[in-house]
Amino acid sequence: MYSIITTQKGSKAIYFENNFYRLQKQNKNGTSRWVCTNRLCSSSLIIKNETLQVVRGKHNHTNGKPSLSIIHTVHEVRQTVCNNPSKPVTQIYNEAVSAYRQNEGTAELVPMFNMLKSTLYRDRATVLPKLPRSLDDLILPDIFTKNLYNENMLFCDKKKPLRILGFASLTAIKQLAECSIWNADGTFKTAPKLFTQSYTIHAHNEFSMKPIIFSALPNKYEKTYSALLKSLISYAKTNNLILSPTSILIDFELSSFNAFTKAFPNTNILFCHFHFAKNIMKNVKKLQELITLYNHCPPNERTLYEMIFPINLVKTYIDFEYYIDNNLDINDHHIGAKCFIKILHYVLNFFDHKHHENENYLHITLQQFLVLES
């Protein structure tokens, strides 16, 4: 008796006596002719009303194709992939292989995953919505705008001039309103496709720090941050919530700093020192004087970069000068002062001079520095 199977390309085939046949033609008398899938073989079958009528010719080749049980297993895997699109394809494959070996043993090898991977992922793509080619094509199904408690999560969905998405439940925003200290951070590695970055706002209390606001942004411009914050403030006011943190800690990024300052004018906006120092180092290490000093420093004593890490500018200057005078064999004894003056100038110009706390910091630092030089 023959069996009808489905090929990897989705067409019908017949498995008969360890060989495979494809449909060649349907005759007017109701019969169908099936020929061997090996094109150099003349063997064929005649079938009418699902009954095998005639077997013609003999096979002139060996059969290197898998058995019927393997074919059924692969077909079941493909069906499971289509019926469970959210389940990992590798997990479905591994479970099917394990079940096959328990029932059939290991006499015949199941095709390796890499041999079926493209077919399985192609099958899954037929039941999943197509990925958008642009942010204008992105459609959010209603199920993706709610959390597990069926609360609305989407508070911002701006389409013009660029797409901005903001997610937070009303319960979470209430927690944000109750907290006086916020942290905000952006990341690029986990950004959804077509977006540039994922941006989150965290609420900080005496017990922990929790992510509250989740957003997908198309860039890192000030107007983009401002649009997100305006939507958040407006949504909160609509629900009778006032957002008024006392301080917000952000990355050292002027565009986000300006946006937060305009959105929360009475809030103390603080920079993360790690990112601040990283930005300073990225620029000051290009100074020619610093490069000269670095080249004169023995490989096992190259601590100059660590010494100018801007934690305490005055202490850094003393250490810097002392290190140059006592460790480096260099003719120009003024090169250290020149280098540090440039570093100091660069660091001071990074600050917003209108911010009262930065103003005090600059005043104290410059005063100490002038006393030191005198």
Foldseek 3Di string as FASTA:
>chain_A
DKDWAADLVGAIWIQDPLFIWDWDDADPVQKTKTATPPPVAGWIWIDHPNHTDDTDHDGPDDRPDDDPVLRVLVVVLLVVCQVCVPDDSVVSVVVSQVVCCVVPNPPDDRDDCVVCVVSSVVSSPVNDDDDDPAPLPDDDPPVNQADPVRFGFWLDFDPPPHTKTKGFGPVLVQLQLVAQEKEKEWDQPPAPPNFRIWIWMWGDDPPGIGTGMIMTHRDQALVRLLRVLVSSQVVCVVVVGHRAHQEYEYALDVSNVVSVCVSHVNHHYHYDLVNLLVVLLVPLCVDPLNVVLQVQAPPVPNCLSVLPSPPDLVVSLVVQLVCCVPGGDDDPSCSSVVSSVVSVVVSLVSDDCVDVVNVVVVVVNVVVVVVVVD
